[in-house]
Amino acid sequence: SLVVPDGVAAAAVAEVIRQAAGTLLEMVRVIAEFRGAALGEGRRSVTFRLTYRAPDRTLRDADVDASETQVLSALERELGLSRRGA
C-alpha cells in the first residue's frame, strides 16, 4: 500500500511500477483504495498487487525483494511516494 496524493493517478503509479520492476513482473493491479483522516487531507492509500513470474525457473524471495527495492526507490524518486506505514 502506498500513500498517494489525490493529484496522482493510480495508472501513473502503475506505470512507474512496471518500468522499475523489471522483466519478472507479469501484472500490476489496484486492489484497494482508502481515504481517511489518518492519511491527511488530499491523500489516499492505494494498494497494488504485483504478480511476478519467470518462465524458466522458480523465483526466490531474493528475486522479488530486489525488484521491490527498485520499485520503491523509483516511486519515491519519480513521484515522491512512500509505502503506507513507512
Protein backbone atom coordinates (compact mmCIF):
# COMPACT_ATOMS: atom_id res chain seq x y z
CA SER A 1 0.00 0.00 0.00
CA LEU A 2 1.23 3.46 -0.92
CA VAL A 3 0.25 6.92 0.28
CA VAL A 4 -0.72 8.78 -2.89
CA PRO A 5 -1.71 12.45 -3.28
CA ASP A 6 -5.12 12.98 -4.89
CA GLY A 7 -3.47 14.58 -7.94
CA VAL A 8 -1.52 11.43 -8.83
CA ALA A 9 -3.46 8.84 -10.84
CA ALA A 10 -3.17 5.17 -9.91
CA ALA A 11 -2.37 4.49 -13.58
CA ALA A 12 0.70 6.75 -13.35
CA VAL A 13 1.86 4.86 -10.26
CA ALA A 14 1.32 1.52 -12.03
CA GLU A 15 3.40 2.72 -14.98
CA VAL A 16 6.34 3.62 -12.73
CA ILE A 17 6.00 0.20 -11.10
CA ARG A 18 6.07 -1.53 -14.50
CA GLN A 19 9.14 0.38 -15.62
CA ALA A 20 11.09 -0.20 -12.40
CA ALA A 21 10.14 -3.80 -11.61
CA GLY A 22 12.00 -5.50 -14.44
CA THR A 23 11.17 -8.43 -16.66
CA LEU A 24 9.88 -10.73 -13.91
CA LEU A 25 6.81 -8.57 -13.32
CA GLU A 26 3.81 -10.15 -15.01
CA MET A 27 0.92 -7.99 -13.77
CA VAL A 28 0.08 -4.91 -11.67
CA ARG A 29 -3.44 -4.35 -10.33
CA VAL A 30 -5.07 -1.89 -7.96
CA ILE A 31 -6.91 -3.96 -5.38
CA ALA A 32 -7.98 -1.34 -2.82
CA GLU A 33 -8.20 2.37 -2.26
CA PHE A 34 -8.79 4.02 1.11
CA ARG A 35 -9.34 7.60 2.24
CA GLY A 36 -9.41 8.58 5.87
CA ALA A 37 -8.48 11.22 8.40
CA ALA A 38 -5.38 9.28 9.42
CA LEU A 39 -3.88 9.82 5.95
CA GLY A 40 -4.43 13.55 5.92
CA GLU A 41 -6.32 15.85 3.60
CA GLY A 42 -5.74 15.28 -0.11
CA ARG A 43 -4.11 11.87 0.30
CA ARG A 44 -5.28 8.30 -0.10
CA SER A 45 -3.90 4.82 0.36
CA VAL A 46 -3.75 2.72 -2.80
CA THR A 47 -2.93 -0.98 -2.58
CA PHE A 48 -1.38 -2.67 -5.58
CA ARG A 49 -0.99 -6.39 -6.21
CA LEU A 50 2.14 -7.29 -8.15
CA THR A 51 2.46 -10.71 -9.75
CA TYR A 52 5.92 -11.98 -10.63
CA ARG A 53 6.71 -14.97 -12.82
CA ALA A 54 9.73 -16.48 -14.55
CA PRO A 55 9.02 -18.89 -17.40
CA ASP A 56 12.22 -20.85 -16.88
CA ARG A 57 12.66 -21.15 -13.11
CA THR A 58 11.14 -20.86 -9.68
CA LEU A 59 11.54 -17.38 -8.26
CA ARG A 60 13.30 -16.93 -4.95
CA ASP A 61 12.48 -14.37 -2.27
CA ALA A 62 15.67 -12.50 -3.19
CA ASP A 63 14.42 -12.04 -6.79
CA VAL A 64 11.21 -10.38 -5.66
CA ASP A 65 12.87 -8.44 -2.83
CA ALA A 66 15.35 -6.89 -5.28
CA SER A 67 12.53 -5.84 -7.60
CA GLU A 68 10.53 -4.41 -4.70
CA THR A 69 13.50 -2.32 -3.62
CA GLN A 70 13.88 -0.95 -7.16
CA VAL A 71 10.15 -0.19 -7.37
CA LEU A 72 10.02 1.64 -4.04
CA SER A 73 13.09 3.70 -4.92
CA ALA A 74 11.61 4.67 -8.29
CA LEU A 75 8.26 5.60 -6.74
CA GLU A 76 9.96 7.83 -4.19
CA ARG A 77 12.30 9.41 -6.74
CA GLU A 78 9.78 9.97 -9.55
CA LEU A 79 6.51 10.61 -7.71
CA GLY A 80 7.52 11.30 -4.11
CA LEU A 81 5.50 8.32 -2.87
CA SER A 82 6.14 6.19 0.17
CA ARG A 83 4.85 2.90 1.48
CA ARG A 84 1.94 3.32 3.88
CA GLY A 85 3.12 2.96 7.43
CA ALA A 86 6.76 3.57 6.48
